[in-house]
C-alpha atoms as a PDB file:
ATOM      1  CA  ALA A   1     -26.291  75.307 235.917  1.00  0.00           C
ATOM      2  CA  ALA A   2     -29.894  74.156 235.731  1.00  0.00           C
ATOM      3  CA  GLY A   3     -31.236  74.285 232.212  1.00  0.00           C
ATOM      4  CA  LEU A   4     -27.851  74.902 230.648  1.00  0.00           C
ATOM      5  CA  TYR A   5     -27.514  71.459 229.031  1.00  0.00           C
ATOM      6  CA  GLU A   6     -30.047  69.374 227.073  1.00  0.00           C
ATOM      7  CA  SER A   7     -32.542  67.181 228.835  1.00  0.00           C
ATOM      8  CA  ILE A   8     -34.435  64.675 226.707  1.00  0.00           C
ATOM      9  CA  PRO A   9     -37.333  63.050 228.444  1.00  0.00           C
ATOM     10  CA  ASN A  10     -39.255  59.921 227.467  1.00  0.00           C
ATOM     11  CA  VAL A  11     -36.656  58.126 225.459  1.00  0.00           C
ATOM     12  CA  SER A  12     -37.215  54.414 225.510  1.00  0.00           C
ATOM     13  CA  PRO A  13     -34.071  52.186 225.684  1.00  0.00           C
ATOM     14  CA  SER A  14     -35.954  49.649 223.611  1.00  0.00           C
ATOM     15  CA  ASN A  15     -34.867  51.373 220.353  1.00  0.00           C
ATOM     16  CA  PRO A  16     -31.041  51.495 220.452  1.00  0.00           C
ATOM     17  CA  THR A  17     -30.763  53.960 217.513  1.00  0.00           C
ATOM     18  CA  VAL A  18     -33.202  56.497 219.095  1.00  0.00           C
ATOM     19  CA  PHE A  19     -31.606  55.990 222.508  1.00  0.00           C
ATOM     20  CA  ALA A  20     -28.050  56.488 221.157  1.00  0.00           C
ATOM     21  CA  ASP A  21     -29.197  59.652 219.311  1.00  0.00           C
ATOM     22  CA  ALA A  22     -30.653  61.066 222.480  1.00  0.00           C
ATOM     23  CA  VAL A  23     -27.417  60.401 224.465  1.00  0.00           C
ATOM     24  CA  ALA A  24     -25.376  62.069 221.621  1.00  0.00           C
ATOM     25  CA  ARG A  25     -27.640  65.113 221.671  1.00  0.00           C
ATOM     26  CA  VAL A  26     -27.145  65.493 225.437  1.00  0.00           C
ATOM     27  CA  TRP A  27     -23.350  65.193 225.054  1.00  0.00           C
ATOM     28  CA  ALA A  28     -23.361  67.678 222.234  1.00  0.00           C
ATOM     29  CA  SER A  29     -25.111  70.253 224.427  1.00  0.00           C
ATOM     30  CA  LEU A  30     -21.803  70.531 226.264  1.00  0.00           C
ATOM     31  CA  TYR A  31     -20.645  72.625 223.268  1.00  0.00           C
ATOM     32  CA  THR A  32     -23.592  74.844 222.590  1.00  0.00           C
ATOM     33  CA  ARG A  33     -22.832  78.526 222.285  1.00  0.00           C
ATOM     34  CA  ARG A  34     -24.560  79.206 225.589  1.00  0.00           C
ATOM     35  CA  ALA A  35     -22.642  76.478 227.436  1.00  0.00           C
ATOM     36  CA  VAL A  36     -19.272  77.651 225.995  1.00  0.00           C
ATOM     37  CA  LEU A  37     -20.016  81.334 226.922  1.00  0.00           C
ATOM     38  CA  SER A  38     -21.153  80.254 230.405  1.00  0.00           C
ATOM     39  CA  ARG A  39     -17.931  78.388 231.094  1.00  0.00           C
ATOM     40  CA  ARG A  40     -15.866  81.333 229.724  1.00  0.00           C
ATOM     41  CA  ALA A  41     -17.675  83.746 232.031  1.00  0.00           C
ATOM     42  CA  ALA A  42     -17.100  81.389 234.997  1.00  0.00           C
ATOM     43  CA  GLY A  43     -13.381  81.061 234.107  1.00  0.00           C
ATOM     44  CA  VAL A  44     -13.650  77.333 233.350  1.00  0.00           C
ATOM     45  CA  PRO A  45     -11.228  76.283 230.516  1.00  0.00           C
ATOM     46  CA  GLN A  46     -13.018  74.546 227.651  1.00  0.00           C
ATOM     47  CA  LYS A  47     -10.632  71.584 227.754  1.00  0.00           C
ATOM     48  CA  GLU A  48     -11.827  70.891 231.300  1.00  0.00           C
ATOM     49  CA  ALA A  49     -15.525  70.607 230.207  1.00  0.00           C
ATOM     50  CA  SER A  50     -16.936  67.191 230.885  1.00  0.00           C
ATOM     51  CA  MET A  51     -20.342  65.658 231.235  1.00  0.00           C
ATOM     52  CA  ALA A  52     -21.996  62.602 232.697  1.00  0.00           C
ATOM     53  CA  ILE A  53     -25.515  61.507 231.687  1.00  0.00           C
ATOM     54  CA  LEU A  54     -28.117  60.360 234.044  1.00  0.00           C
ATOM     55  CA  ILE A  55     -30.631  57.949 232.606  1.00  0.00           C
ATOM     56  CA  GLN A  56     -33.718  57.273 234.706  1.00  0.00           C
ATOM     57  CA  GLU A  57     -37.284  56.197 234.328  1.00  0.00           C
ATOM     58  CA  MET A  58     -39.610  59.105 233.574  1.00  0.00           C
ATOM     59  CA  LEU A  59     -42.496  59.678 235.997  1.00  0.00           C
ATOM     60  CA  SER A  60     -45.462  61.832 235.297  1.00  0.00           C
ATOM     61  CA  PRO A  61     -46.259  63.644 238.563  1.00  0.00           C
ATOM     62  CA  ASP A  62     -49.257  65.768 239.409  1.00  0.00           C
ATOM     63  CA  LEU A  63     -46.901  68.233 241.137  1.00  0.00           C
ATOM     64  CA  SER A  64     -43.162  68.862 241.021  1.00  0.00           C
ATOM     65  CA  PHE A  65     -41.140  70.894 243.511  1.00  0.00           C
ATOM     66  CA  VAL A  66     -37.855  72.469 244.433  1.00  0.00           C
ATOM     67  CA  LEU A  67     -37.015  72.485 248.153  1.00  0.00           C
ATOM     68  CA  HIS A  68     -34.863  75.088 249.989  1.00  0.00           C
ATOM     69  CA  THR A  69     -33.761  73.885 253.350  1.00  0.00           C
ATOM     70  CA  MET A  70     -33.075  77.405 254.349  1.00  0.00           C
ATOM     71  CA  SER A  71     -35.372  80.257 253.308  1.00  0.00           C
ATOM     72  CA  PRO A  72     -33.926  81.862 250.156  1.00  0.00           C
ATOM     73  CA  THR A  73     -35.816  85.150 250.984  1.00  0.00           C
ATOM     74  CA  ASP A  74     -34.572  85.859 254.450  1.00  0.00           C
ATOM     75  CA  GLN A  75     -31.968  83.047 255.107  1.00  0.00           C
ATOM     76  CA  ASP A  76     -34.060  81.716 258.019  1.00  0.00           C
ATOM     77  CA  LYS A  77     -32.499  78.288 258.848  1.00  0.00           C
ATOM     78  CA  ASN A  78     -35.633  77.278 260.835  1.00  0.00           C
ATOM     79  CA  CYS A  79     -37.832  77.116 257.706  1.00  0.00           C
ATOM     80  CA  VAL A  80     -38.014  74.993 254.590  1.00  0.00           C
ATOM     81  CA  GLU A  81     -39.434  76.728 251.511  1.00  0.00           C
ATOM     82  CA  ALA A  82     -41.000  74.799 248.630  1.00  0.00           C
ATOM     83  CA  GLU A  83     -41.651  76.023 245.064  1.00  0.00           C
ATOM     84  CA  ILE A  84     -44.340  73.856 243.549  1.00  0.00           C
ATOM     85  CA  ALA A  85     -45.692  73.609 239.970  1.00  0.00           C
ATOM     86  CA  CYS A  86     -48.207  71.354 238.262  1.00  0.00           C
ATOM     87  CA  GLY A  87     -46.821  68.545 236.128  1.00  0.00           C
ATOM     88  CA  LEU A  88     -43.225  67.957 235.241  1.00  0.00           C
ATOM     89  CA  GLY A  89     -40.356  69.809 236.995  1.00  0.00           C
ATOM     90  CA  GLU A  90     -39.253  71.382 233.719  1.00  0.00           C
ATOM     91  CA  THR A  91     -41.635  74.227 234.430  1.00  0.00           C
ATOM     92  CA  LEU A  92     -39.579  75.154 237.496  1.00  0.00           C
ATOM     93  CA  ALA A  93     -36.123  74.274 236.197  1.00  0.00           C
ATOM     94  CA  SER A  94     -36.389  76.036 232.783  1.00  0.00           C
ATOM     95  CA  GLY A  95     -37.157  79.542 233.959  1.00  0.00           C
ATOM     96  CA  THR A  96     -40.754  79.425 232.497  1.00  0.00           C
ATOM     97  CA  ARG A  97     -42.552  82.758 232.926  1.00  0.00           C
ATOM     98  CA  GLY A  98     -44.858  82.672 235.966  1.00  0.00           C
ATOM     99  CA  THR A  99     -44.884  82.033 239.636  1.00  0.00           C
ATOM    100  CA  PRO A 100     -44.971  78.671 241.441  1.00  0.00           C
ATOM    101  CA  TRP A 101     -46.854  78.018 244.593  1.00  0.00           C
ATOM    102  CA  ARG A 102     -44.437  79.055 247.343  1.00  0.00           C
ATOM    103  CA  ILE A 103     -44.972  77.468 250.731  1.00  0.00           C
ATOM    104  CA  SER A 104     -42.865  77.947 253.864  1.00  0.00           C
ATOM    105  CA  CYS A 105     -42.963  75.472 256.749  1.00  0.00           C
ATOM    106  CA  GLY A 106     -41.242  75.766 260.118  1.00  0.00           C
ATOM    107  CA  LYS A 107     -38.842  72.883 260.718  1.00  0.00           C
ATOM    108  CA  PHE A 108     -39.681  72.617 264.408  1.00  0.00           C
ATOM    109  CA  ASP A 109     -43.231  73.891 264.730  1.00  0.00           C
ATOM    110  CA  GLY A 110     -44.745  72.679 261.454  1.00  0.00           C
ATOM    111  CA  VAL A 111     -46.476  75.969 260.879  1.00  0.00           C
ATOM    112  CA  VAL A 112     -47.146  76.333 257.104  1.00  0.00           C
ATOM    113  CA  GLN A 113     -47.459  79.660 255.329  1.00  0.00           C
ATOM    114  CA  THR A 114     -48.564  80.247 251.784  1.00  0.00           C
ATOM    115  CA  LEU A 115     -46.170  82.796 250.335  1.00  0.00           C
ATOM    116  CA  ALA A 116     -47.563  82.801 246.723  1.00  0.00           C
ATOM    117  CA  PHE A 117     -50.128  81.155 244.517  1.00  0.00           C
ATOM    118  CA  ALA A 118     -49.065  79.690 241.211  1.00  0.00           C
ATOM    119  CA  ASN A 119     -49.894  81.359 237.978  1.00  0.00           C
ATOM    120  CA  PHE A 120     -47.958  79.417 235.270  1.00  0.00           C
ATOM    121  CA  SER A 121     -50.279  79.309 232.309  1.00  0.00           C
ATOM    122  CA  GLU A 122     -49.269  75.777 231.275  1.00  0.00           C
ATOM    123  CA  GLU A 123     -48.212  72.490 232.789  1.00  0.00           C
ATOM    124  CA  LEU A 124     -46.142  69.743 231.107  1.00  0.00           C
ATOM    125  CA  ILE A 125     -47.365  66.214 231.411  1.00  0.00           C
ATOM    126  CA  VAL A 126     -46.510  62.896 229.874  1.00  0.00           C
ATOM    127  CA  ARG A 127     -49.236  61.511 227.635  1.00  0.00           C
ATOM    128  CA  SER A 128     -49.630  57.915 228.829  1.00  0.00           C
ATOM    129  CA  ALA A 129     -52.063  56.384 226.373  1.00  0.00           C
ATOM    130  CA  GLY A 130     -52.460  55.949 222.605  1.00  0.00           C
ATOM    131  CA  PRO A 131     -49.954  56.281 219.677  1.00  0.00           C
ATOM    132  CA  ALA A 132     -48.109  59.236 221.330  1.00  0.00           C
ATOM    133  CA  ASP A 133     -47.385  57.250 224.546  1.00  0.00           C
ATOM    134  CA  GLY A 134     -44.597  59.015 226.404  1.00  0.00           C
ATOM    135  CA  GLU A 135     -44.871  62.327 224.555  1.00  0.00           C
ATOM    136  CA  VAL A 136     -44.569  65.455 226.725  1.00  0.00           C
ATOM    137  CA  ILE A 137     -47.509  67.791 226.102  1.00  0.00           C
ATOM    138  CA  HIS A 138     -48.532  71.257 227.249  1.00  0.00           C
ATOM    139  CA  LEU A 139     -51.885  71.738 228.938  1.00  0.00           C
ATOM    140  CA  THR A 140     -53.536  74.916 230.101  1.00  0.00           C
ATOM    141  CA  VAL A 141     -53.748  74.943 233.875  1.00  0.00           C
ATOM    142  CA  ASP A 142     -57.116  75.590 235.572  1.00  0.00           C
ATOM    143  CA  TYR A 143     -56.077  76.569 239.025  1.00  0.00           C
ATOM    144  CA  SER A 144     -59.697  76.620 240.242  1.00  0.00           C
ATOM    145  CA  LYS A 145     -59.545  72.828 240.144  1.00  0.00           C
ATOM    146  CA  LYS A 146     -56.158  72.340 241.743  1.00  0.00           C
ATOM    147  CA  PRO A 147     -56.300  71.223 245.409  1.00  0.00           C
ATOM    148  CA  LEU A 148     -53.214  73.220 246.295  1.00  0.00           C
ATOM    149  CA  THR A 149     -55.116  76.358 245.341  1.00  0.00           C
ATOM    150  CA  VAL A 150     -58.580  75.650 246.748  1.00  0.00           C
ATOM    151  CA  ASP A 151     -57.900  73.310 249.721  1.00  0.00           C
ATOM    152  CA  PRO A 152     -56.039  74.873 252.642  1.00  0.00           C
ATOM    153  CA  VAL A 153     -55.859  71.597 254.535  1.00  0.00           C
ATOM    154  CA  PHE A 154     -54.290  69.821 251.496  1.00  0.00           C
ATOM    155  CA  ARG A 155     -51.868  72.822 251.108  1.00  0.00           C
ATOM    156  CA  ARG A 156     -50.889  72.526 254.813  1.00  0.00           C
ATOM    157  CA  GLN A 157     -50.365  68.743 254.552  1.00  0.00           C
ATOM    158  CA  VAL A 158     -48.213  69.143 251.409  1.00  0.00           C
ATOM    159  CA  GLY A 159     -46.162  71.870 253.101  1.00  0.00           C
ATOM    160  CA  GLN A 160     -45.613  69.751 256.161  1.00  0.00           C
ATOM    161  CA  ARG A 161     -44.633  66.671 254.156  1.00  0.00           C
ATOM    162  CA  LEU A 162     -42.201  68.547 252.028  1.00  0.00           C
ATOM    163  CA  CYS A 163     -40.773  70.214 255.147  1.00  0.00           C
ATOM    164  CA  ALA A 164     -40.220  66.719 256.659  1.00  0.00           C
ATOM    165  CA  VAL A 165     -38.352  65.644 253.468  1.00  0.00           C
ATOM    166  CA  GLY A 166     -36.135  68.755 253.566  1.00  0.00           C
ATOM    167  CA  PHE A 167     -35.420  68.329 257.209  1.00  0.00           C
ATOM    168  CA  PHE A 168     -34.541  64.654 256.678  1.00  0.00           C
ATOM    169  CA  LEU A 169     -32.233  65.521 253.774  1.00  0.00           C
ATOM    170  CA  GLU A 170     -30.255  67.995 255.862  1.00  0.00           C
END
């Protein structure tokens, strides 16, 4: 389940002690109270619990998104729906209070509809300069300066590109 286990961003492999500690913290999250109760509720025996760890380079995107290759609202298989947030995807994956931009695009006609405008109060970004290089920080979002809010052409282009990605992935 998304958000059930620990994610630790921006850990440099250049320091083996810090890196090993981060890996250990992720593995340990397999046995948090929430994880144990979740498995119990799903009927998964604790002895069958296992975990793999994905290690990848951290990017600092302007936007992050979740794609649905079938509309989650009306199960329309001819549409791709995207939920989009500013900054890192943690905003979407963690159940943060607020609404993402929601955009629907027809797979075959490319017609983009804006279903909702975003209203998350904060975005998470990776600080990329200075002594805190790589630190994840919270910034207040000013939606009046975000192209996805103020520029319908940009919004349509993003919707069509994400639709193409979803269509390709199917």
